[in-house]
Amino acid sequence: MGKTKGLNQAEFEVGSEVRIADHAFLQEFLDAGQYHNELEEEQLGYAGRVAKVSTIEFFHGGDEIYTLEGVPGVWHEERLSAA
C-alpha cells in the first residue's frame, strides 16, 4: 500500500507497463487471502507477464487496485512491479 508514493497515490500510471509477480509470490498471496480483492486461481497463469495498466482504483485505507489490458481480474499493487 503506497510502496513509494504513499496512500491513495498510484504507483503505476494508466498506460504504463508493469510486470506481474512470479508464481511463488502469487501463490503465497492467494494462500494468505487477506486483502479486499482476492486473487483468483486463473490469475496464477499470468505470473511474470508484462501488461499495460488500464484502470486504477483505491480501497479505503489506500490499497491500490489495478486492471491490466488482456489480463483477467484485478491486481493489488503488491503483485506488480515496473516493467
Protein backbone atom coordinates (compact mmCIF):
# COMPACT_ATOMS: atom_id res chain seq x y z
CA MET A 1 0.00 0.00 0.00
CA GLY A 2 1.75 3.04 -1.25
CA LYS A 3 5.14 1.41 -1.90
CA THR A 4 6.87 4.65 -2.85
CA LYS A 5 4.27 7.37 -3.42
CA GLY A 6 2.13 6.92 -0.31
CA LEU A 7 -1.52 6.16 0.28
CA ASN A 8 -4.03 6.89 -2.47
CA GLN A 9 -1.22 7.73 -4.90
CA ALA A 10 -0.89 5.33 -7.84
CA GLU A 11 2.45 3.57 -8.11
CA PHE A 12 1.81 2.97 -11.82
CA GLU A 13 0.02 5.30 -14.22
CA VAL A 14 -2.65 4.23 -16.71
CA GLY A 15 -0.85 3.08 -19.86
CA SER A 16 2.38 2.17 -18.09
CA GLU A 17 3.81 -1.34 -18.33
CA VAL A 18 4.02 -3.49 -15.23
CA ARG A 19 5.34 -6.96 -14.54
CA ILE A 20 3.16 -9.38 -12.62
CA ALA A 21 4.92 -11.10 -9.72
CA ASP A 22 6.30 -14.63 -10.09
CA HIS A 23 4.20 -17.74 -9.49
CA ALA A 24 5.58 -18.41 -5.98
CA PHE A 25 4.72 -14.89 -4.82
CA LEU A 26 1.22 -15.07 -6.32
CA GLN A 27 0.59 -18.45 -4.70
CA GLU A 28 1.66 -17.04 -1.33
CA PHE A 29 -0.66 -14.08 -1.85
CA LEU A 30 -3.54 -16.40 -2.79
CA ASP A 31 -2.97 -18.58 0.27
CA ALA A 32 -2.85 -15.56 2.62
CA GLY A 33 -6.26 -14.28 1.44
CA GLN A 34 -6.03 -11.11 3.50
CA TYR A 35 -6.81 -8.35 1.00
CA HIS A 36 -10.03 -6.74 -0.21
CA ASN A 37 -9.70 -8.30 -3.63
CA GLU A 38 -8.83 -11.95 -3.54
CA LEU A 39 -6.54 -13.38 -6.19
CA GLU A 40 -8.36 -15.84 -8.45
CA GLU A 41 -6.79 -19.21 -9.28
CA GLU A 42 -6.77 -18.42 -13.03
CA GLN A 43 -4.58 -15.36 -12.40
CA LEU A 44 -1.65 -17.60 -11.42
CA GLY A 45 -1.20 -18.39 -15.12
CA TYR A 46 -0.17 -14.76 -15.74
CA ALA A 47 2.81 -14.84 -13.38
CA GLY A 48 5.83 -12.96 -14.73
CA ARG A 49 4.00 -11.42 -17.67
CA VAL A 50 4.18 -7.78 -18.69
CA ALA A 51 0.95 -5.86 -19.29
CA LYS A 52 -0.31 -2.27 -19.52
CA VAL A 53 -2.32 -0.68 -16.73
CA SER A 54 -5.86 0.08 -17.92
CA THR A 55 -7.52 1.36 -14.72
CA ILE A 56 -6.66 2.22 -11.12
CA GLU A 57 -8.94 2.21 -8.10
CA PHE A 58 -8.33 2.80 -4.41
CA PHE A 59 -9.89 1.00 -1.47
CA HIS A 60 -10.44 2.78 1.83
CA GLY A 61 -7.08 2.68 3.58
CA GLY A 62 -5.07 3.30 0.44
CA ASP A 63 -4.85 -0.12 -1.28
CA GLU A 64 -4.20 0.37 -4.98
CA ILE A 65 -6.10 -1.98 -7.26
CA TYR A 66 -5.25 -2.23 -10.96
CA THR A 67 -6.83 -3.79 -14.02
CA LEU A 68 -4.47 -4.76 -16.80
CA GLU A 69 -5.03 -4.93 -20.55
CA GLY A 70 -5.61 -8.50 -21.72
CA VAL A 71 -5.25 -9.96 -18.21
CA PRO A 72 -8.24 -11.15 -16.16
CA GLY A 73 -9.12 -9.98 -12.69
CA VAL A 74 -7.88 -7.15 -10.56
CA TRP A 75 -4.35 -6.79 -9.24
CA HIS A 76 -3.23 -5.42 -5.91
CA GLU A 77 -0.15 -3.17 -6.15
CA GLU A 78 1.85 -5.70 -4.12
CA ARG A 79 1.63 -8.13 -7.03
CA LEU A 80 3.12 -5.71 -9.58
CA SER A 81 6.43 -4.04 -10.35
CA ALA A 82 7.64 -1.65 -13.03
CA ALA A 83 8.46 -3.50 -16.26
